[in-house]
C-alpha atoms as a PDB file:
ATOM      1  CA  MET A   1      11.052  18.766 -13.268  1.00  0.00           C
ATOM      2  CA  THR A   2      12.417  16.336 -15.787  1.00  0.00           C
ATOM      3  CA  PRO A   3      10.046  13.667 -16.825  1.00  0.00           C
ATOM      4  CA  THR A   4      11.336  10.255 -16.051  1.00  0.00           C
ATOM      5  CA  THR A   5      10.518   6.488 -16.246  1.00  0.00           C
ATOM      6  CA  GLN A   6      13.684   5.741 -14.383  1.00  0.00           C
ATOM      7  CA  PRO A   7      14.606   6.198 -10.697  1.00  0.00           C
ATOM      8  CA  ALA A   8      16.554   9.532 -10.612  1.00  0.00           C
ATOM      9  CA  ALA A   9      20.236   9.612  -9.867  1.00  0.00           C
ATOM     10  CA  GLY A  10      20.658  10.127  -6.011  1.00  0.00           C
ATOM     11  CA  LEU A  11      17.556   8.131  -5.190  1.00  0.00           C
ATOM     12  CA  ARG A  12      18.783   5.705  -2.487  1.00  0.00           C
ATOM     13  CA  SER A  13      17.340   3.052  -0.295  1.00  0.00           C
ATOM     14  CA  GLY A  14      15.141   4.483   2.487  1.00  0.00           C
ATOM     15  CA  MET A  15      14.468   7.722   0.560  1.00  0.00           C
ATOM     16  CA  VAL A  16      11.032   9.009  -0.367  1.00  0.00           C
ATOM     17  CA  ALA A  17      10.560   9.562  -4.140  1.00  0.00           C
ATOM     18  CA  VAL A  18       7.944  12.256  -5.053  1.00  0.00           C
ATOM     19  CA  ALA A  19       6.764  11.456  -8.492  1.00  0.00           C
ATOM     20  CA  GLY A  20       4.095  12.906 -10.741  1.00  0.00           C
ATOM     21  CA  VAL A  21       1.637  10.499 -12.461  1.00  0.00           C
ATOM     22  CA  PRO A  22       0.153  12.737 -15.161  1.00  0.00           C
ATOM     23  CA  PHE A  23      -2.646  10.510 -16.311  1.00  0.00           C
ATOM     24  CA  ASP A  24      -6.374  11.134 -16.556  1.00  0.00           C
ATOM     25  CA  GLU A  25      -7.589   9.077 -19.654  1.00  0.00           C
ATOM     26  CA  TYR A  26      -9.737   6.810 -17.455  1.00  0.00           C
ATOM     27  CA  SER A  27     -11.495   9.608 -15.910  1.00  0.00           C
ATOM     28  CA  SER A  28     -15.196  10.071 -16.321  1.00  0.00           C
ATOM     29  CA  PHE A  29     -17.321  13.215 -16.540  1.00  0.00           C
ATOM     30  CA  ILE A  30     -14.459  15.840 -16.849  1.00  0.00           C
ATOM     31  CA  LYS A  31     -10.814  15.228 -17.508  1.00  0.00           C
ATOM     32  CA  GLY A  32      -7.902  17.564 -16.323  1.00  0.00           C
ATOM     33  CA  ALA A  33      -6.189  15.701 -13.436  1.00  0.00           C
ATOM     34  CA  ALA A  34      -3.168  14.909 -15.594  1.00  0.00           C
ATOM     35  CA  ALA A  35      -2.198  18.557 -15.189  1.00  0.00           C
ATOM     36  CA  ALA A  36      -2.258  18.389 -11.346  1.00  0.00           C
ATOM     37  CA  PRO A  37       1.357  17.342 -10.598  1.00  0.00           C
ATOM     38  CA  ALA A  38       2.710  20.686 -11.932  1.00  0.00           C
ATOM     39  CA  GLN A  39       0.171  22.668  -9.931  1.00  0.00           C
ATOM     40  CA  ILE A  40       0.702  20.822  -6.705  1.00  0.00           C
ATOM     41  CA  ARG A  41       4.619  21.397  -7.069  1.00  0.00           C
ATOM     42  CA  ALA A  42       3.931  25.187  -7.845  1.00  0.00           C
ATOM     43  CA  ALA A  43       2.012  25.480  -4.714  1.00  0.00           C
ATOM     44  CA  LEU A  44       4.501  23.627  -2.649  1.00  0.00           C
ATOM     45  CA  LEU A  45       7.334  26.008  -3.822  1.00  0.00           C
ATOM     46  CA  SER A  46       5.354  29.236  -3.871  1.00  0.00           C
ATOM     47  CA  ASP A  47       6.861  32.111  -2.044  1.00  0.00           C
ATOM     48  CA  SER A  48       3.551  32.464  -0.309  1.00  0.00           C
ATOM     49  CA  THR A  49       4.580  29.625   2.073  1.00  0.00           C
ATOM     50  CA  ASN A  50       7.533  27.607   3.143  1.00  0.00           C
ATOM     51  CA  LEU A  51       8.665  23.816   3.444  1.00  0.00           C
ATOM     52  CA  CYS A  52       8.137  23.517   7.137  1.00  0.00           C
ATOM     53  CA  THR A  53       5.664  20.912   8.440  1.00  0.00           C
ATOM     54  CA  GLU A  54       3.615  21.277  11.412  1.00  0.00           C
ATOM     55  CA  SER A  55       5.808  18.883  13.362  1.00  0.00           C
ATOM     56  CA  GLY A  56       8.586  21.567  12.893  1.00  0.00           C
ATOM     57  CA  LEU A  57      10.410  19.530  10.259  1.00  0.00           C
ATOM     58  CA  ASP A  58      11.943  21.892   7.629  1.00  0.00           C
ATOM     59  CA  LEU A  59      11.874  19.868   4.316  1.00  0.00           C
ATOM     60  CA  ALA A  60      14.089  22.504   2.695  1.00  0.00           C
ATOM     61  CA  CYS A  61      16.949  21.335   4.970  1.00  0.00           C
ATOM     62  CA  ARG A  62      16.014  17.671   5.281  1.00  0.00           C
ATOM     63  CA  ASP A  63      17.577  15.134   3.168  1.00  0.00           C
ATOM     64  CA  GLY A  64      15.883  11.746   2.432  1.00  0.00           C
ATOM     65  CA  TRP A  65      13.392  12.820  -0.204  1.00  0.00           C
ATOM     66  CA  LEU A  66      13.760  13.613  -3.843  1.00  0.00           C
ATOM     67  CA  ASP A  67      11.303  14.955  -6.488  1.00  0.00           C
ATOM     68  CA  ILE A  68      12.124  12.783  -9.433  1.00  0.00           C
ATOM     69  CA  GLY A  69       9.822  14.469 -11.846  1.00  0.00           C
ATOM     70  CA  ASP A  70       6.864  12.981 -13.806  1.00  0.00           C
ATOM     71  CA  PHE A  71       6.549   9.339 -15.171  1.00  0.00           C
ATOM     72  CA  VAL A  72       6.242   9.429 -18.904  1.00  0.00           C
ATOM     73  CA  ILE A  73       3.177   7.497 -20.230  1.00  0.00           C
ATOM     74  CA  PRO A  74       3.567   7.468 -23.950  1.00  0.00           C
ATOM     75  CA  GLY A  75       0.530   7.443 -26.049  1.00  0.00           C
ATOM     76  CA  GLY A  76      -0.366   4.094 -27.561  1.00  0.00           C
ATOM     77  CA  THR A  77       1.070   2.086 -24.639  1.00  0.00           C
ATOM     78  CA  ASP A  78      -0.660   0.305 -21.886  1.00  0.00           C
ATOM     79  CA  PRO A  79      -0.729   2.898 -19.008  1.00  0.00           C
ATOM     80  CA  ILE A  80      -1.287   0.296 -16.343  1.00  0.00           C
ATOM     81  CA  SER A  81       1.853  -1.579 -17.262  1.00  0.00           C
ATOM     82  CA  VAL A  82       3.931   1.718 -17.757  1.00  0.00           C
ATOM     83  CA  ILE A  83       3.032   2.965 -14.365  1.00  0.00           C
ATOM     84  CA  GLU A  84       3.523  -0.396 -12.581  1.00  0.00           C
ATOM     85  CA  SER A  85       7.018  -0.683 -14.299  1.00  0.00           C
ATOM     86  CA  ALA A  86       8.081   2.894 -13.301  1.00  0.00           C
ATOM     87  CA  VAL A  87       6.926   2.386  -9.619  1.00  0.00           C
ATOM     88  CA  ALA A  88       8.615  -1.073  -9.546  1.00  0.00           C
ATOM     89  CA  GLN A  89      11.947   0.527 -10.538  1.00  0.00           C
ATOM     90  CA  CYS A  90      11.592   3.063  -7.639  1.00  0.00           C
ATOM     91  CA  LEU A  91      10.852   0.435  -5.215  1.00  0.00           C
ATOM     92  CA  SER A  92      13.504  -1.994  -6.431  1.00  0.00           C
ATOM     93  CA  GLY A  93      16.177   0.261  -4.977  1.00  0.00           C
ATOM     94  CA  GLY A  94      14.581   0.396  -1.607  1.00  0.00           C
ATOM     95  CA  ALA A  95      12.873   3.810  -1.998  1.00  0.00           C
ATOM     96  CA  ARG A  96       9.224   4.660  -1.058  1.00  0.00           C
ATOM     97  CA  LEU A  97       6.826   6.582  -3.366  1.00  0.00           C
ATOM     98  CA  LEU A  98       4.599   9.541  -2.801  1.00  0.00           C
ATOM     99  CA  ALA A  99       2.676   9.883  -6.143  1.00  0.00           C
ATOM    100  CA  LEU A 100       1.084  13.048  -7.310  1.00  0.00           C
ATOM    101  CA  GLY A 101      -1.923  12.134  -9.719  1.00  0.00           C
ATOM    102  CA  GLY A 102      -3.533  12.037 -11.973  1.00  0.00           C
ATOM    103  CA  ASP A 103      -6.813  10.362 -11.622  1.00  0.00           C
ATOM    104  CA  HIS A 104      -7.545   7.518  -9.190  1.00  0.00           C
ATOM    105  CA  SER A 105      -7.147   4.885 -11.771  1.00  0.00           C
ATOM    106  CA  THR A 106      -3.323   5.267 -11.221  1.00  0.00           C
ATOM    107  CA  THR A 107      -3.653   3.717  -7.818  1.00  0.00           C
ATOM    108  CA  TYR A 108      -4.082   0.274  -9.116  1.00  0.00           C
ATOM    109  CA  PRO A 109      -0.756  -0.049 -11.015  1.00  0.00           C
ATOM    110  CA  ILE A 110       1.046   1.635  -8.177  1.00  0.00           C
ATOM    111  CA  ILE A 111      -0.396  -1.047  -5.730  1.00  0.00           C
ATOM    112  CA  LYS A 112       0.485  -3.824  -8.215  1.00  0.00           C
ATOM    113  CA  ALA A 113       4.153  -2.777  -7.956  1.00  0.00           C
ATOM    114  CA  TYR A 114       3.848  -2.300  -4.028  1.00  0.00           C
ATOM    115  CA  ALA A 115       2.363  -5.790  -3.515  1.00  0.00           C
ATOM    116  CA  ARG A 116       5.497  -7.397  -4.840  1.00  0.00           C
ATOM    117  CA  GLN A 117       7.603  -5.540  -2.365  1.00  0.00           C
ATOM    118  CA  TYR A 118       5.192  -5.641   0.550  1.00  0.00           C
ATOM    119  CA  PRO A 119       3.465  -9.104   0.903  1.00  0.00           C
ATOM    120  CA  ARG A 120       1.439  -7.609   3.848  1.00  0.00           C
ATOM    121  CA  LEU A 121      -0.035  -4.313   2.891  1.00  0.00           C
ATOM    122  CA  ALA A 122      -2.973  -2.246   4.014  1.00  0.00           C
ATOM    123  CA  ILE A 123      -4.542   0.742   2.356  1.00  0.00           C
ATOM    124  CA  LEU A 124      -6.222   3.774   3.946  1.00  0.00           C
ATOM    125  CA  HIS A 125      -8.388   5.452   1.354  1.00  0.00           C
ATOM    126  CA  LEU A 126      -9.947   8.787   1.941  1.00  0.00           C
ATOM    127  CA  ASP A 127     -12.509   9.665  -0.726  1.00  0.00           C
ATOM    128  CA  ALA A 128     -16.088  10.682  -1.345  1.00  0.00           C
ATOM    129  CA  HIS A 129     -16.443   7.683  -3.554  1.00  0.00           C
ATOM    130  CA  SER A 130     -15.620   4.048  -2.856  1.00  0.00           C
ATOM    131  CA  ASP A 131     -14.231   3.409  -6.425  1.00  0.00           C
ATOM    132  CA  LEU A 132     -15.404  -0.194  -6.097  1.00  0.00           C
ATOM    133  CA  TYR A 133     -17.333  -0.484  -9.276  1.00  0.00           C
ATOM    134  CA  ASP A 134     -16.660  -3.745 -11.265  1.00  0.00           C
ATOM    135  CA  GLU A 135     -16.692  -1.574 -14.374  1.00  0.00           C
ATOM    136  CA  PHE A 136     -17.754   1.863 -15.189  1.00  0.00           C
ATOM    137  CA  GLN A 137     -18.930   3.105 -18.646  1.00  0.00           C
ATOM    138  CA  GLY A 138     -17.540  -0.120 -20.064  1.00  0.00           C
ATOM    139  CA  ASN A 139     -14.005   0.413 -18.531  1.00  0.00           C
ATOM    140  CA  ARG A 140     -12.801  -2.008 -15.839  1.00  0.00           C
ATOM    141  CA  TYR A 141      -9.751   0.274 -15.326  1.00  0.00           C
ATOM    142  CA  SER A 142     -11.748   3.413 -14.844  1.00  0.00           C
ATOM    143  CA  HIS A 143     -10.937   5.792 -11.967  1.00  0.00           C
ATOM    144  CA  ALA A 144     -14.252   4.491 -10.473  1.00  0.00           C
ATOM    145  CA  CYS A 145     -12.812   0.864 -10.325  1.00  0.00           C
ATOM    146  CA  PRO A 146      -9.226   0.777  -8.895  1.00  0.00           C
ATOM    147  CA  PHE A 147     -10.092  -0.762  -5.544  1.00  0.00           C
ATOM    148  CA  ALA A 148     -12.286  -3.445  -7.035  1.00  0.00           C
ATOM    149  CA  ARG A 149      -9.149  -4.549  -9.245  1.00  0.00           C
ATOM    150  CA  ILE A 150      -6.887  -4.190  -6.071  1.00  0.00           C
ATOM    151  CA  MET A 151      -9.176  -6.406  -3.929  1.00  0.00           C
ATOM    152  CA  GLU A 152     -10.145  -9.045  -6.499  1.00  0.00           C
ATOM    153  CA  GLN A 153      -6.539  -9.671  -6.987  1.00  0.00           C
ATOM    154  CA  GLY A 154      -5.652  -9.865  -3.429  1.00  0.00           C
ATOM    155  CA  LEU A 155      -2.968  -7.301  -3.524  1.00  0.00           C
ATOM    156  CA  VAL A 156      -3.511  -6.064  -0.129  1.00  0.00           C
ATOM    157  CA  GLN A 157      -4.744  -7.577   3.102  1.00  0.00           C
ATOM    158  CA  ARG A 158      -6.792  -4.719   4.361  1.00  0.00           C
ATOM    159  CA  LEU A 159      -8.640  -1.806   2.878  1.00  0.00           C
ATOM    160  CA  MET A 160     -10.260   0.871   4.907  1.00  0.00           C
ATOM    161  CA  GLN A 161     -12.108   3.693   3.298  1.00  0.00           C
ATOM    162  CA  ALA A 162     -13.207   6.878   5.125  1.00  0.00           C
ATOM    163  CA  GLY A 163     -15.145   9.847   4.112  1.00  0.00           C
ATOM    164  CA  ILE A 164     -17.371   7.853   1.744  1.00  0.00           C
ATOM    165  CA  ARG A 165     -20.802   9.445   1.045  1.00  0.00           C
ATOM    166  CA  THR A 166     -21.935   8.152  -2.366  1.00  0.00           C
ATOM    167  CA  LEU A 167     -22.450   4.434  -1.849  1.00  0.00           C
ATOM    168  CA  THR A 168     -24.672   2.481  -4.293  1.00  0.00           C
ATOM    169  CA  PRO A 169     -26.125  -0.944  -3.768  1.00  0.00           C
ATOM    170  CA  GLN A 170     -23.325  -2.298  -5.949  1.00  0.00           C
ATOM    171  CA  HIS A 171     -20.641  -0.636  -3.927  1.00  0.00           C
ATOM    172  CA  ARG A 172     -22.196  -2.151  -0.710  1.00  0.00           C
ATOM    173  CA  GLU A 173     -22.306  -5.617  -2.464  1.00  0.00           C
ATOM    174  CA  GLN A 174     -18.610  -5.175  -3.472  1.00  0.00           C
ATOM    175  CA  ALA A 175     -17.535  -4.068  -0.059  1.00  0.00           C
ATOM    176  CA  GLU A 176     -19.093  -7.122   1.546  1.00  0.00           C
ATOM    177  CA  ARG A 177     -17.608  -9.385  -1.137  1.00  0.00           C
ATOM    178  CA  PHE A 178     -14.056  -8.025  -0.581  1.00  0.00           C
ATOM    179  CA  GLY A 179     -14.276  -7.441   3.196  1.00  0.00           C
ATOM    180  CA  VAL A 180     -13.698  -3.723   2.842  1.00  0.00           C
ATOM    181  CA  GLU A 181     -14.001  -1.595   5.948  1.00  0.00           C
ATOM    182  CA  ILE A 182     -16.116   1.555   5.113  1.00  0.00           C
ATOM    183  CA  LEU A 183     -16.318   4.320   7.625  1.00  0.00           C
ATOM    184  CA  GLU A 184     -18.931   6.543   5.898  1.00  0.00           C
ATOM    185  CA  MET A 185     -18.783  10.323   6.241  1.00  0.00           C
ATOM    186  CA  LYS A 186     -22.153  10.347   8.188  1.00  0.00           C
ATOM    187  CA  ASP A 187     -20.494   8.138  10.854  1.00  0.00           C
ATOM    188  CA  TRP A 188     -17.158  10.118  11.118  1.00  0.00           C
ATOM    189  CA  ARG A 189     -16.513  11.504  14.608  1.00  0.00           C
ATOM    190  CA  ALA A 190     -13.358  13.373  15.245  1.00  0.00           C
ATOM    191  CA  PRO A 191     -10.919  12.889  16.771  1.00  0.00           C
ATOM    192  CA  LEU A 192     -10.458   9.361  15.577  1.00  0.00           C
ATOM    193  CA  THR A 193      -7.170   7.486  15.598  1.00  0.00           C
ATOM    194  CA  LEU A 194      -6.863   4.655  13.240  1.00  0.00           C
ATOM    195  CA  SER A 195      -4.375   1.952  13.675  1.00  0.00           C
ATOM    196  CA  PHE A 196      -2.675  -0.732  11.268  1.00  0.00           C
ATOM    197  CA  ASP A 197      -0.446  -3.535  12.217  1.00  0.00           C
ATOM    198  CA  MET A 198       1.079  -3.878   8.839  1.00  0.00           C
ATOM    199  CA  PRO A 199       2.744  -1.356   6.331  1.00  0.00           C
ATOM    200  CA  LEU A 200       0.228   1.227   5.179  1.00  0.00           C
ATOM    201  CA  TYR A 201      -0.283   2.887   1.780  1.00  0.00           C
ATOM    202  CA  LEU A 202      -2.321   6.131   2.105  1.00  0.00           C
ATOM    203  CA  SER A 203      -4.558   7.203  -0.835  1.00  0.00           C
ATOM    204  CA  ILE A 204      -6.122  10.600  -0.798  1.00  0.00           C
ATOM    205  CA  ASP A 205      -8.649  11.634  -3.351  1.00  0.00           C
ATOM    206  CA  MET A 206      -9.020  15.367  -3.014  1.00  0.00           C
ATOM    207  CA  ASP A 207     -12.815  15.091  -3.304  1.00  0.00           C
ATOM    208  CA  ALA A 208     -12.686  13.412   0.084  1.00  0.00           C
ATOM    209  CA  LEU A 209     -12.799  17.047   1.255  1.00  0.00           C
ATOM    210  CA  ASP A 210     -15.963  19.149   1.355  1.00  0.00           C
ATOM    211  CA  PRO A 211     -16.042  21.410  -1.689  1.00  0.00           C
ATOM    212  CA  ALA A 212     -15.738  24.421   0.603  1.00  0.00           C
ATOM    213  CA  PHE A 213     -12.250  23.394   1.227  1.00  0.00           C
ATOM    214  CA  ALA A 214     -11.322  21.722  -2.107  1.00  0.00           C
ATOM    215  CA  PRO A 215     -13.454  23.003  -4.970  1.00  0.00           C
ATOM    216  CA  GLY A 216     -11.063  22.083  -7.805  1.00  0.00           C
ATOM    217  CA  VAL A 217     -12.075  18.564  -8.379  1.00  0.00           C
ATOM    218  CA  SER A 218     -14.221  16.877 -11.153  1.00  0.00           C
ATOM    219  CA  HIS A 219     -16.605  15.194  -8.841  1.00  0.00           C
ATOM    220  CA  PRO A 220     -17.375  17.498  -5.882  1.00  0.00           C
ATOM    221  CA  GLU A 221     -19.579  15.980  -3.181  1.00  0.00           C
ATOM    222  CA  PRO A 222     -20.918  18.199  -0.382  1.00  0.00           C
ATOM    223  CA  GLY A 223     -20.631  17.012   3.258  1.00  0.00           C
ATOM    224  CA  GLY A 224     -17.010  15.920   3.239  1.00  0.00           C
ATOM    225  CA  PHE A 225     -13.882  16.402   5.423  1.00  0.00           C
ATOM    226  CA  ALA A 226     -12.435  19.739   6.410  1.00  0.00           C
ATOM    227  CA  THR A 227      -8.770  20.226   5.713  1.00  0.00           C
ATOM    228  CA  ARG A 228      -7.986  19.871   9.431  1.00  0.00           C
ATOM    229  CA  ASP A 229      -9.707  16.434   9.532  1.00  0.00           C
ATOM    230  CA  VAL A 230      -7.470  15.031   6.864  1.00  0.00           C
ATOM    231  CA  LEU A 231      -4.425  16.547   8.524  1.00  0.00           C
ATOM    232  CA  ALA A 232      -5.351  14.954  11.679  1.00  0.00           C
ATOM    233  CA  VAL A 233      -5.572  11.584   9.927  1.00  0.00           C
ATOM    234  CA  ILE A 234      -2.189  11.968   8.333  1.00  0.00           C
ATOM    235  CA  GLN A 235      -0.502  13.081  11.432  1.00  0.00           C
ATOM    236  CA  ASN A 236      -2.211  10.591  13.909  1.00  0.00           C
ATOM    237  CA  VAL A 237      -2.644   7.320  12.096  1.00  0.00           C
ATOM    238  CA  ARG A 238      -0.752   4.637  13.898  1.00  0.00           C
ATOM    239  CA  ALA A 239       1.217   2.924  11.071  1.00  0.00           C
ATOM    240  CA  ASP A 240       4.312   2.779   9.040  1.00  0.00           C
ATOM    241  CA  ILE A 241       3.374   4.667   6.040  1.00  0.00           C
ATOM    242  CA  VAL A 242       5.346   3.158   3.100  1.00  0.00           C
ATOM    243  CA  GLY A 243       3.578   4.846   0.136  1.00  0.00           C
ATOM    244  CA  ALA A 244       1.036   7.362  -0.584  1.00  0.00           C
ATOM    245  CA  ASP A 245      -0.794   9.270  -3.534  1.00  0.00           C
ATOM    246  CA  ILE A 246      -2.692  12.434  -3.817  1.00  0.00           C
ATOM    247  CA  VAL A 247      -5.076  12.235  -6.691  1.00  0.00           C
ATOM    248  CA  GLU A 248      -8.123  13.837  -8.490  1.00  0.00           C
ATOM    249  CA  LEU A 249      -7.079  17.520  -8.317  1.00  0.00           C
ATOM    250  CA  ASN A 250      -8.296  19.212 -11.477  1.00  0.00           C
ATOM    251  CA  PRO A 251      -6.427  22.367 -12.147  1.00  0.00           C
ATOM    252  CA  ALA A 252      -8.965  23.481 -14.793  1.00  0.00           C
ATOM    253  CA  LEU A 253     -11.462  23.767 -11.945  1.00  0.00           C
ATOM    254  CA  ASP A 254      -9.020  25.359  -9.499  1.00  0.00           C
ATOM    255  CA  PRO A 255      -8.517  28.894 -10.811  1.00  0.00           C
ATOM    256  CA  SER A 256      -7.701  30.251  -7.375  1.00  0.00           C
ATOM    257  CA  ARG A 257      -5.291  27.352  -6.713  1.00  0.00           C
ATOM    258  CA  ALA A 258      -6.937  26.812  -3.486  1.00  0.00           C
ATOM    259  CA  THR A 259      -7.136  23.157  -3.894  1.00  0.00           C
ATOM    260  CA  ALA A 260      -3.616  22.913  -5.074  1.00  0.00           C
ATOM    261  CA  ARG A 261      -2.441  24.673  -1.909  1.00  0.00           C
ATOM    262  CA  VAL A 262      -4.361  22.009   0.200  1.00  0.00           C
ATOM    263  CA  ALA A 263      -2.770  19.275  -1.836  1.00  0.00           C
ATOM    264  CA  ALA A 264       0.681  20.753  -1.172  1.00  0.00           C
ATOM    265  CA  LYS A 265      -0.042  20.851   2.490  1.00  0.00           C
ATOM    266  CA  PHE A 266      -0.977  17.176   2.532  1.00  0.00           C
ATOM    267  CA  LEU A 267       2.106  16.411   0.524  1.00  0.00           C
ATOM    268  CA  LYS A 268       4.336  18.063   3.178  1.00  0.00           C
ATOM    269  CA  GLU A 269       2.766  16.445   6.168  1.00  0.00           C
ATOM    270  CA  ILE A 270       2.837  13.067   4.417  1.00  0.00           C
ATOM    271  CA  LEU A 271       6.475  13.401   3.793  1.00  0.00           C
ATOM    272  CA  ALA A 272       7.011  14.188   7.449  1.00  0.00           C
ATOM    273  CA  ARG A 273       5.459  10.763   8.308  1.00  0.00           C
ATOM    274  CA  MET A 274       7.231   8.864   5.621  1.00  0.00           C
ATOM    275  CA  LEU A 275      10.836  10.150   6.110  1.00  0.00           C
ATOM    276  CA  PRO A 276      13.041   8.095   8.458  1.00  0.00           C
ATOM    277  CA  LYS A 277      13.275   9.528  11.880  1.00  0.00           C
ATOM    278  CA  SER A 278      17.133  10.012  11.571  1.00  0.00           C
ATOM    279  CA  GLY A 279      18.583  12.246   9.015  1.00  0.00           C
ATOM    280  CA  ARG A 280      19.464  15.860   8.584  1.00  0.00           C
END
């Protein structure tokens, strides 16, 4: 796909833009997530599968979505501003965004752009980690901090986190400070239907899943979701999903491409929820 910082030709109001955000400079421990967009696309388009969703929608024959390639994030620039600007350009024409990270730091600039278009917005965040540190290793924009930045700036009205299983005392204090709803993994009971009375942004960190289902992540945490659990959330959440991201896949740790295939499956099912009901 052609890298871009401009909305692609053919991207119209109401469409869903799929865009890679190949950035991992704010990752801790192990970098590599910047290479994920290409691997997710390869899994999506592999001859081993097809573009049909579980609802019966064939994305190969369905208009209304367009892969616009990767955002270009030049070295020596402020990545937060570059990503925010690129997302804002997509949204300004009335499109919605499904972003392929990249590390979780990318969610903050994406939401900065979304907040200008959606004055009432909720986030459903699936993750092993709450990413609520005020700063991590001296970086306030670390992939461990995006939801602290989002909430302290009042960019969304509601944040629900599910699958969390690494809470520290600081995380709990931050959650109380910002009014974050946390459904810890130890308290998860399926089936569970979540409801939102405002537009919803869905953020999926691949380490929300148990490493048995998604080994290719930099921060694996045992005891997480099964693939079917996450699919059930995507398919059954009661909300208008206006944006989403899939982040923290690390291809360097995914030699079998098993995690990329799971990410591609999520991509298809999220698209099925974001696309307008009408259309070919």
